[in-house]
Protein backbone atom coordinates (compact mmCIF):
# COMPACT_ATOMS: atom_id res chain seq x y z
CA UNK A 1 -72.00 78.25 -139.39
CA UNK A 2 -68.32 78.93 -139.98
CA UNK A 3 -67.69 82.12 -139.19
CA UNK A 4 -65.88 84.25 -141.26
CA UNK A 5 -64.38 88.17 -140.25
CA UNK A 6 -62.77 89.66 -142.78
CA UNK A 7 -60.08 92.34 -141.66
CA UNK A 8 -59.61 95.72 -144.14
CA UNK A 9 -62.86 96.62 -146.17
CA UNK A 10 -61.45 98.31 -149.16
CA UNK A 11 -62.31 96.55 -152.49
CA UNK A 12 -60.53 93.30 -151.91
CA UNK A 13 -62.32 93.15 -148.13
CA UNK A 14 -65.52 93.76 -149.70
CA UNK A 15 -65.87 91.50 -152.22
CA UNK A 16 -64.75 88.60 -150.39
CA UNK A 17 -67.14 89.56 -147.14
CA UNK A 18 -69.98 89.51 -150.31
CA UNK A 19 -68.98 86.13 -151.90
CA UNK A 20 -68.70 84.47 -147.81
CA UNK A 21 -71.98 86.45 -146.92
CA UNK A 22 -73.51 84.13 -150.33
CA UNK A 23 -72.04 81.04 -149.81
CA UNK A 24 -74.04 81.11 -146.68
CA UNK A 25 -71.40 81.81 -144.00
CA UNK A 26 -71.66 84.07 -140.81
CA UNK A 27 -70.02 87.18 -142.19
CA UNK A 28 -67.85 90.31 -139.80
CA UNK A 29 -65.79 92.94 -141.31
CA UNK A 30 -63.78 95.10 -138.92
CA UNK A 31 -60.99 98.30 -140.23
CA UNK A 32 -58.93 100.10 -138.63
CA UNK A 33 -59.32 102.99 -140.86
CA UNK A 34 -62.54 104.44 -141.89
CA UNK A 35 -64.33 102.89 -144.25
CA UNK A 36 -65.00 104.22 -147.37
CA UNK A 37 -68.82 105.22 -148.39
CA UNK A 38 -69.67 102.53 -151.48
CA UNK A 39 -67.83 100.11 -149.41
CA UNK A 40 -70.53 100.70 -146.14
CA UNK A 41 -73.40 100.37 -148.43
CA UNK A 42 -72.35 97.25 -150.27
CA UNK A 43 -71.95 95.82 -146.69
CA UNK A 44 -75.62 97.15 -145.87
CA UNK A 45 -77.27 95.75 -148.65
CA UNK A 46 -76.34 92.31 -147.25
CA UNK A 47 -76.51 92.59 -144.50
CA UNK A 48 -73.06 92.44 -143.37
CA UNK A 49 -72.48 93.36 -139.90
CA UNK A 50 -69.08 95.91 -139.86
CA UNK A 51 -66.83 97.99 -138.07
CA UNK A 52 -64.73 100.61 -138.31
CA UNK A 53 -61.67 103.13 -136.52
CA UNK A 54 -60.97 99.78 -133.93
CA UNK A 55 -60.71 96.17 -134.25
CA UNK A 56 -62.93 94.25 -131.41
CA UNK A 57 -61.06 91.13 -130.58
CA UNK A 58 -63.82 89.51 -129.21
CA UNK A 59 -65.30 89.73 -132.56
CA UNK A 60 -62.40 88.45 -134.39
CA UNK A 61 -61.02 86.26 -132.28
CA UNK A 62 -63.36 83.84 -132.52
CA UNK A 63 -63.43 83.52 -135.81
CA UNK A 64 -63.03 79.69 -137.70
CA UNK A 65 -61.46 82.06 -140.79
CA UNK A 66 -60.21 85.47 -141.94
CA UNK A 67 -59.61 86.91 -145.08
CA UNK A 68 -56.54 89.66 -144.65
CA UNK A 69 -56.28 93.19 -146.87
CA UNK A 70 -52.89 92.68 -148.59
CA UNK A 71 -52.52 96.25 -146.55
CA UNK A 72 -52.26 94.26 -143.12
CA UNK A 73 -48.48 93.31 -142.42
CA UNK A 74 -48.39 90.11 -140.36
CA UNK A 75 -46.29 91.36 -137.50
CA UNK A 76 -49.60 93.96 -136.59
CA UNK A 77 -51.35 92.78 -132.73
CA UNK A 78 -54.31 90.97 -134.51
CA UNK A 79 -52.75 89.14 -137.11
CA UNK A 80 -49.85 88.14 -134.78
CA UNK A 81 -52.92 87.06 -131.63
CA UNK A 82 -54.78 85.06 -134.67
CA UNK A 83 -51.90 83.58 -135.48
CA UNK A 84 -50.94 82.44 -132.17
CA UNK A 85 -54.32 80.68 -131.26
CA UNK A 86 -53.89 78.86 -135.38
CA UNK A 87 -56.63 80.16 -136.34
CA UNK A 88 -55.89 80.01 -140.86
CA UNK A 89 -55.49 83.54 -142.23
CA UNK A 90 -56.01 84.12 -145.89
CA UNK A 91 -56.07 86.11 -148.91
CA UNK A 92 -59.18 87.46 -150.60
CA UNK A 93 -57.63 86.02 -153.59
CA UNK A 94 -57.20 82.02 -152.09
CA UNK A 95 -61.23 82.75 -150.89
CA UNK A 96 -62.62 83.47 -154.44
CA UNK A 97 -60.53 80.77 -156.26
CA UNK A 98 -62.39 78.11 -153.93
CA UNK A 99 -65.42 79.13 -155.72
CA UNK A 100 -64.62 79.11 -159.65
CA UNK A 101 -63.68 76.87 -162.15
CA UNK A 102 -62.26 79.59 -163.82
CA UNK A 103 -59.20 79.46 -165.54
CA UNK A 104 -56.39 81.72 -163.88
CA UNK A 105 -53.89 84.23 -165.49
CA UNK A 106 -51.82 85.70 -162.65
CA UNK A 107 -48.75 88.37 -163.04
CA UNK A 108 -46.51 89.19 -160.88
CA UNK A 109 -42.64 90.71 -160.65
CA UNK A 110 -41.81 93.71 -158.55
CA UNK A 111 -42.43 95.77 -162.26
CA UNK A 112 -44.46 96.25 -165.01
CA UNK A 113 -47.43 94.01 -163.01
CA UNK A 114 -50.23 96.23 -164.04
CA UNK A 115 -49.36 97.59 -167.56
CA UNK A 116 -48.28 93.78 -168.21
CA UNK A 117 -52.35 93.27 -166.54
CA UNK A 118 -53.78 95.43 -168.43
CA UNK A 119 -52.90 94.26 -171.99
CA UNK A 120 -53.35 90.40 -171.54
CA UNK A 121 -57.13 91.58 -170.48
CA UNK A 122 -57.20 93.86 -173.34
CA UNK A 123 -56.12 91.25 -176.06
CA UNK A 124 -58.03 88.48 -174.90
CA UNK A 125 -61.51 90.60 -174.43
CA UNK A 126 -60.52 91.45 -178.34
CA UNK A 127 -60.36 88.20 -179.33
CA UNK A 128 -64.01 87.37 -177.95
CA UNK A 129 -63.05 85.81 -174.56
CA UNK A 130 -65.35 86.14 -171.47
CA UNK A 131 -63.43 87.25 -168.52
CA UNK A 132 -62.36 89.27 -165.37
CA UNK A 133 -60.10 91.63 -164.26
CA UNK A 134 -59.39 91.09 -161.06
CA UNK A 135 -56.57 91.76 -158.08
CA UNK A 136 -54.39 94.99 -157.81
CA UNK A 137 -56.61 96.96 -160.74
CA UNK A 138 -60.44 96.09 -161.18
CA UNK A 139 -63.14 94.97 -159.15
CA UNK A 140 -62.22 92.50 -156.46
CA UNK A 141 -61.60 88.58 -158.26
CA UNK A 142 -64.56 87.94 -154.93
CA UNK A 143 -67.10 90.18 -155.85
CA UNK A 144 -66.72 89.54 -159.48
CA UNK A 145 -67.28 85.51 -158.27
CA UNK A 146 -69.96 86.22 -156.55
CA UNK A 147 -71.63 88.08 -159.18
CA UNK A 148 -70.20 88.05 -162.58
CA UNK A 149 -69.49 84.41 -163.60
CA UNK A 150 -66.56 84.83 -166.21
CA UNK A 151 -64.44 82.06 -167.84
CA UNK A 152 -61.33 83.77 -167.88
CA UNK A 153 -59.48 85.98 -164.96
CA UNK A 154 -56.57 88.47 -165.49
CA UNK A 155 -55.34 89.05 -162.10
CA UNK A 156 -52.47 91.03 -161.17
CA UNK A 157 -50.43 89.60 -157.69
CA UNK A 158 -48.82 91.60 -154.97
CA UNK A 159 -46.38 90.12 -152.77
CA UNK A 160 -48.51 90.10 -150.35
CA UNK A 161 -51.11 88.85 -151.79
CA UNK A 162 -49.21 85.81 -152.58
CA UNK A 163 -47.96 85.75 -149.00
CA UNK A 164 -52.27 84.87 -148.05
CA UNK A 165 -52.76 81.63 -150.49
CA UNK A 166 -51.90 77.74 -149.98
CA UNK A 167 -54.45 76.14 -152.52
CA UNK A 168 -55.19 78.75 -154.91
CA UNK A 169 -53.54 77.64 -158.33
CA UNK A 170 -52.52 80.06 -161.18
CA UNK A 171 -53.39 78.51 -164.72
CA UNK A 172 -51.38 80.38 -166.70
CA UNK A 173 -48.62 82.17 -163.86
CA UNK A 174 -46.50 85.10 -164.64
CA UNK A 175 -43.36 86.02 -163.25
CA UNK A 176 -41.94 89.38 -164.88
CA UNK A 177 -38.67 90.67 -162.30
CA UNK A 178 -37.45 90.57 -158.99
CA UNK A 179 -35.81 93.01 -157.79
CA UNK A 180 -35.55 94.05 -153.94
CA UNK A 181 -38.75 95.83 -152.99
CA UNK A 182 -41.02 95.70 -149.57
CA UNK A 183 -38.11 94.17 -147.92
CA UNK A 184 -39.88 96.38 -144.63
CA UNK A 185 -41.96 93.97 -144.96
CA UNK A 186 -39.72 90.71 -145.39
CA UNK A 187 -37.55 91.67 -141.95
CA UNK A 188 -35.09 92.76 -145.11
CA UNK A 189 -34.70 89.67 -145.90
CA UNK A 190 -35.10 89.54 -149.92
CA UNK A 191 -34.66 85.65 -149.97
CA UNK A 192 -37.91 85.93 -147.83
CA UNK A 193 -39.13 87.92 -150.99
CA UNK A 194 -38.12 85.77 -153.53
CA UNK A 195 -40.32 82.97 -152.24
CA UNK A 196 -43.20 85.47 -152.01
CA UNK A 197 -43.17 85.91 -155.71
CA UNK A 198 -42.50 82.05 -156.28
CA UNK A 199 -45.47 81.55 -154.95
CA UNK A 200 -47.36 81.85 -157.96
CA UNK A 201 -46.24 78.47 -159.29
CA UNK A 202 -47.60 76.90 -156.00
CA UNK A 203 -49.97 73.93 -156.97
CA UNK A 204 -49.02 74.37 -160.75
CA UNK A 205 -48.73 71.16 -162.88
CA UNK A 206 -48.00 69.70 -166.56
CA UNK A 207 -50.89 70.90 -167.68
CA UNK A 208 -49.82 74.91 -166.71
CA UNK A 209 -47.40 77.04 -167.75
CA UNK A 210 -45.05 79.46 -166.03
CA UNK A 211 -43.93 82.52 -168.14
CA UNK A 212 -41.14 84.40 -167.19
CA UNK A 213 -38.19 87.17 -168.10
CA UNK A 214 -35.04 84.35 -169.16
CA UNK A 215 -32.41 87.32 -168.23
CA UNK A 216 -33.50 87.90 -164.68
CA UNK A 217 -30.42 86.49 -162.70
CA UNK A 218 -32.19 85.95 -159.49
CA UNK A 219 -35.21 84.06 -161.12
CA UNK A 220 -32.05 82.01 -163.09
CA UNK A 221 -30.94 81.23 -159.38
CA UNK A 222 -34.74 79.95 -158.33
CA UNK A 223 -35.17 77.79 -160.56
CA UNK A 224 -31.70 76.02 -160.94
CA UNK A 225 -33.15 75.30 -156.49
CA UNK A 226 -36.89 74.35 -157.14
CA UNK A 227 -38.61 71.43 -159.22
CA UNK A 228 -41.47 73.76 -161.09
CA UNK A 229 -44.24 71.26 -162.85
CA UNK A 230 -45.74 73.25 -164.97
CA UNK A 231 -44.78 73.56 -168.91
CA UNK A 232 -41.94 77.00 -169.16
CA UNK A 233 -42.36 79.58 -171.30
CA UNK A 234 -39.11 81.91 -170.83
CA UNK A 235 -39.24 85.43 -172.62
CA UNK A 236 -35.59 87.03 -173.50
CA UNK A 237 -34.33 89.48 -176.37
CA UNK A 238 -32.45 86.93 -177.29
CA UNK A 239 -33.21 83.26 -178.75
CA UNK A 240 -32.04 80.90 -177.19
CA UNK A 241 -32.35 77.28 -177.49
CA UNK A 242 -35.48 77.49 -174.66
CA UNK A 243 -36.56 80.86 -175.03
CA UNK A 244 -40.22 81.00 -176.12
CA UNK A 245 -40.76 84.72 -177.43
CA UNK A 246 -37.48 86.96 -178.60
CA UNK A 247 -36.95 89.84 -181.02
CA UNK A 248 -34.96 88.43 -184.73
CA UNK A 249 -34.69 91.09 -187.10
CA UNK A 250 -36.62 93.48 -185.44
CA UNK A 251 -39.45 90.76 -185.46
CA UNK A 252 -41.12 90.00 -182.55
CA UNK A 253 -41.27 86.11 -182.23
CA UNK A 254 -43.46 84.10 -180.12
CA UNK A 255 -43.34 80.65 -180.25
CA UNK A 256 -45.60 77.81 -178.60
CA UNK A 257 -47.28 74.35 -178.65
CA UNK A 258 -50.21 76.05 -180.53
CA UNK A 259 -48.39 78.07 -183.00
CA UNK A 260 -45.56 80.69 -184.41
CA UNK A 261 -46.53 84.54 -184.36
CA UNK A 262 -44.39 86.93 -185.74
CA UNK A 263 -44.57 91.11 -185.91
CA UNK A 264 -42.52 94.14 -186.67
CA UNK A 265 -41.25 94.61 -182.44
CA UNK A 266 -41.01 98.60 -184.20
CA UNK A 267 -45.40 97.86 -184.19
CA UNK A 268 -45.50 97.52 -180.18
CA UNK A 269 -47.11 100.63 -178.66
CA UNK A 270 -46.07 99.85 -175.75
CA UNK A 271 -42.24 101.70 -176.50
CA UNK A 272 -39.08 101.23 -173.96
CA UNK A 273 -37.27 97.83 -173.84
CA UNK A 274 -39.19 96.75 -170.21
CA UNK A 275 -42.63 97.08 -172.47
CA UNK A 276 -41.17 94.71 -174.78
CA UNK A 277 -40.80 92.66 -171.98
CA UNK A 278 -44.91 92.94 -170.53
CA UNK A 279 -45.35 92.83 -174.89
CA UNK A 280 -43.75 89.36 -174.80
CA UNK A 281 -45.45 87.55 -171.78
CA UNK A 282 -48.81 88.85 -173.06
CA UNK A 283 -48.27 87.65 -176.20
CA UNK A 284 -47.32 84.28 -174.80
CA UNK A 285 -50.30 84.55 -172.80
CA UNK A 286 -52.37 85.05 -175.67
CA UNK A 287 -51.30 82.14 -177.67
CA UNK A 288 -51.32 79.77 -175.20
CA UNK A 289 -54.97 80.32 -174.96
CA UNK A 290 -55.13 80.54 -178.72
CA UNK A 291 -56.38 84.38 -178.63
CA UNK A 292 -55.80 84.39 -183.40
CA UNK A 293 -53.12 85.83 -184.25
CA UNK A 294 -54.64 88.77 -186.24
CA UNK A 295 -56.33 89.30 -182.98
CA UNK A 296 -53.18 89.44 -180.82
CA UNK A 297 -51.13 91.76 -183.24
CA UNK A 298 -54.58 94.30 -183.51
CA UNK A 299 -54.48 94.72 -179.40
CA UNK A 300 -50.37 95.49 -179.13
CA UNK A 301 -50.61 97.88 -181.51
CA UNK A 302 -53.64 99.55 -180.22
CA UNK A 303 -52.86 98.97 -176.37
CA UNK A 304 -52.46 103.08 -174.79
CA UNK A 305 -50.86 101.99 -171.43
CA UNK A 306 -51.64 102.61 -168.13
CA UNK A 307 -52.60 105.63 -165.61
CA UNK A 308 -49.59 106.82 -164.01
CA UNK A 309 -46.62 104.57 -166.04
CA UNK A 310 -44.59 107.06 -168.32
CA UNK A 311 -47.88 108.79 -168.95
CA UNK A 312 -46.87 112.05 -170.77
CA UNK A 313 -48.89 114.96 -169.36
CA UNK A 314 -47.81 117.99 -171.24
CA UNK A 315 -45.00 120.23 -172.66
CA UNK A 316 -45.01 123.66 -171.24
CA UNK A 317 -42.49 126.54 -172.81
CA UNK A 318 -40.43 123.03 -174.77
CA UNK A 319 -39.85 121.20 -171.70
CA UNK A 320 -41.76 117.71 -171.12
CA UNK A 321 -43.50 116.21 -168.26
CA UNK A 322 -44.04 113.09 -167.74
CA UNK A 323 -45.72 111.42 -164.98
CA UNK A 324 -44.17 107.89 -163.21
CA UNK A 325 -46.52 108.01 -159.98
CA UNK A 326 -46.36 104.19 -160.30
CA UNK A 327 -43.32 103.69 -159.76
CA UNK A 328 -42.81 102.72 -156.55
CA UNK A 329 -39.43 101.78 -156.00
CA UNK A 330 -35.80 102.02 -157.19
CA UNK A 331 -35.68 99.16 -160.40
CA UNK A 332 -38.65 100.52 -161.79
CA UNK A 333 -36.93 104.55 -162.21
CA UNK A 334 -34.14 103.28 -163.02
CA UNK A 335 -36.57 101.50 -166.48
CA UNK A 336 -38.16 105.08 -166.65
CA UNK A 337 -34.45 106.71 -166.65
CA UNK A 338 -33.64 104.45 -169.68
CA UNK A 339 -36.48 105.36 -172.13
CA UNK A 340 -35.28 108.82 -171.59
CA UNK A 341 -33.79 110.56 -174.46
CA UNK A 342 -33.10 113.61 -173.42
CA UNK A 343 -32.14 115.22 -169.73
CA UNK A 344 -33.89 115.21 -166.96
CA UNK A 345 -35.22 117.09 -163.61
CA UNK A 346 -35.98 114.49 -161.96
CA UNK A 347 -38.45 113.90 -158.99
CA UNK A 348 -38.23 111.67 -156.03
CA UNK A 349 -39.51 111.03 -152.28
CA UNK A 350 -42.08 109.73 -150.17
CA UNK A 351 -41.84 106.90 -148.08
CA UNK A 352 -38.56 105.14 -148.44
CA UNK A 353 -39.31 101.17 -148.08
CA UNK A 354 -35.45 100.60 -147.42
CA UNK A 355 -34.20 101.79 -150.63
CA UNK A 356 -30.80 100.87 -152.16
CA UNK A 357 -30.28 104.33 -154.38
CA UNK A 358 -27.08 102.67 -155.88
CA UNK A 359 -29.05 101.25 -158.76
CA UNK A 360 -30.16 104.57 -160.68
CA UNK A 361 -26.82 106.13 -159.18
CA UNK A 362 -24.98 105.67 -162.41
CA UNK A 363 -27.95 107.15 -164.60
CA UNK A 364 -28.49 109.59 -162.53
CA UNK A 365 -24.80 110.92 -163.51
CA UNK A 366 -25.62 110.40 -167.27
CA UNK A 367 -29.28 111.81 -167.80
CA UNK A 368 -30.46 113.74 -164.73
CA UNK A 369 -29.59 117.49 -164.60
CA UNK A 370 -31.62 118.40 -161.79
CA UNK A 371 -33.45 116.33 -158.79
CA UNK A 372 -36.29 117.73 -156.75
CA UNK A 373 -36.82 115.66 -152.74
CA UNK A 374 -41.14 114.90 -152.91
CA UNK A 375 -41.51 114.05 -149.40
CA UNK A 376 -41.79 115.02 -145.37
CA UNK A 377 -38.20 113.03 -144.46
CA UNK A 378 -35.84 113.27 -147.30
CA UNK A 379 -32.44 113.31 -145.44
CA UNK A 380 -32.31 109.85 -147.02
CA UNK A 381 -32.27 111.40 -150.30
CA UNK A 382 -29.60 114.17 -149.34
CA UNK A 383 -27.18 111.41 -147.75
CA UNK A 384 -27.13 109.83 -151.24
CA UNK A 385 -27.24 112.22 -154.15
CA UNK A 386 -25.81 115.42 -152.37
CA UNK A 387 -22.50 116.14 -154.40
CA UNK A 388 -23.64 114.48 -157.02
CA UNK A 389 -26.29 116.07 -159.12
CA UNK A 390 -25.31 119.94 -159.46
CA UNK A 391 -29.12 121.00 -159.01
CA UNK A 392 -30.75 119.97 -155.68
CA UNK A 393 -33.77 120.46 -154.53
CA UNK A 394 -36.33 119.84 -151.25
CA UNK A 395 -40.67 120.37 -151.59
CA UNK A 396 -43.46 119.54 -149.45
CA UNK A 397 -46.24 119.95 -151.67
CA UNK A 398 -46.81 119.01 -155.12
CA UNK A 399 -47.28 122.49 -156.14
CA UNK A 400 -44.31 123.78 -154.54
CA UNK A 401 -42.90 120.97 -156.09
CA UNK A 402 -43.76 121.40 -159.95
CA UNK A 403 -43.24 125.42 -159.64
CA UNK A 404 -39.44 124.27 -158.57
CA UNK A 405 -39.25 121.92 -161.81
CA UNK A 406 -40.78 124.28 -163.83
CA UNK A 407 -38.11 127.55 -162.85
CA UNK A 408 -35.17 124.22 -162.66
CA UNK A 409 -35.67 123.08 -166.76
CA UNK A 410 -34.25 124.40 -169.92
CA UNK A 411 -35.88 124.23 -173.48
CA UNK A 412 -35.92 120.81 -174.33
CA UNK A 413 -35.89 118.72 -171.34
CA UNK A 414 -38.09 116.08 -169.30
CA UNK A 415 -39.65 116.84 -165.53
CA UNK A 416 -39.77 112.99 -165.13
CA UNK A 417 -42.04 112.14 -161.70
CA UNK A 418 -41.03 108.95 -160.88
CA UNK A 419 -40.28 108.42 -157.00
CA UNK A 420 -38.95 105.08 -155.87
CA UNK A 421 -41.06 105.44 -153.12
CA UNK A 422 -44.97 104.64 -151.67
CA UNK A 423 -46.69 107.59 -151.56
CA UNK A 424 -48.13 107.70 -148.07
CA UNK A 425 -46.35 110.85 -146.25
CA UNK A 426 -48.37 113.15 -148.17
CA UNK A 427 -50.30 111.99 -150.79
CA UNK A 428 -53.52 109.23 -150.35
CA UNK A 429 -51.67 107.10 -152.73
CA UNK A 430 -49.75 106.95 -156.20
CA UNK A 431 -53.01 107.88 -157.93
CA UNK A 432 -53.41 110.78 -155.62
CA UNK A 433 -50.15 111.45 -156.30
CA UNK A 434 -49.83 111.85 -160.36
CA UNK A 435 -53.11 113.41 -160.73
CA UNK A 436 -51.68 116.03 -158.12
CA UNK A 437 -48.98 116.85 -160.41
CA UNK A 438 -50.71 116.24 -163.49
CA UNK A 439 -53.11 118.99 -162.28
CA UNK A 440 -50.37 121.42 -161.22
CA UNK A 441 -48.51 120.56 -164.58
CA UNK A 442 -51.47 121.86 -166.91
CA UNK A 443 -51.79 124.77 -164.02
CA UNK A 444 -48.36 126.53 -164.92
């Protein structure tokens, strides 16, 4: 009997283990951290052996195949040992893809993935399709393949998930943008990260679709070097010879093989330039799978956005508070600042992933009246920003941070949590950081 070992027992790991068990494999789950009670319960219910707070080598190195959580880096000692003995190490998505013939709609990019994924799911569900939501959001793809059976899956894929995928194919691949992120996991080599993102097009044929932002210089350079087999659907602000979605005379126009769809750009529920692009990618996807125009239009007008992504929290003493905790890199903070119409008190900080802050320097000088650094070690932020903004303060907890912002902000300004960094130094994850921010703001 083939032995499958799953490393990491979070949402994706537990789901992969259940699917492997259902396929009749000998399954073992190992997690270096603590396993959440609900996942222990799930593993126990399916009679799957597990261990936590350790990796026992003799129970792992005898695997025929290993499914690893996207959070475990390739340089982890256990992964190095598995690779040295040529044991295949794959991702949960790769594994799940083997056991379903559902259509896969896959979204990647440095920014906007979650919003676009949720928007596509919203449109397809409203359009009457039997659709599942998976990847970085929703329930694990493997668990849904094991227990639910959908005709379509909308899957948000990080570069780490793509790294563990070889045979998997996206029927519709969406690449929103590429800016430097997670370089600590790619030997600080941007090209490695780019290659990772472009894996979303691997195994595609002429029957498949590749939707991408036409004005991204990195994507344009790559397209010259690559022989992409799928049908191309570029989107951009301006109409060009090949663009399939664009804005003209304040109308969003989507032009696919199936039909031409138009609606006033002002009616899109998601505001800001970056969200216009997200709406274009979603609209193209919906047209390709033949959702009715009326249904697409209605969904694009109603969609409410994603928690922790430019989420309005409250107005206190005429100061607006915005939670953008999901902004894990410099480029997403740039988008957030670009959409601000008032002077900003900007909260930055956390675990730095090799960030280059020059990208936001001009916007900070133009729009930011005060900076608050929220982290265990803020020295890199001070190094870059000291002297560029008049008011700079440090905070080592969310409560201290929000109280500092409350004192610093003048009426008519906006306090923006858009940290540019991972959250792991002071918080469990970006949701925890965002929820603490909202709770402290509401207590003001």
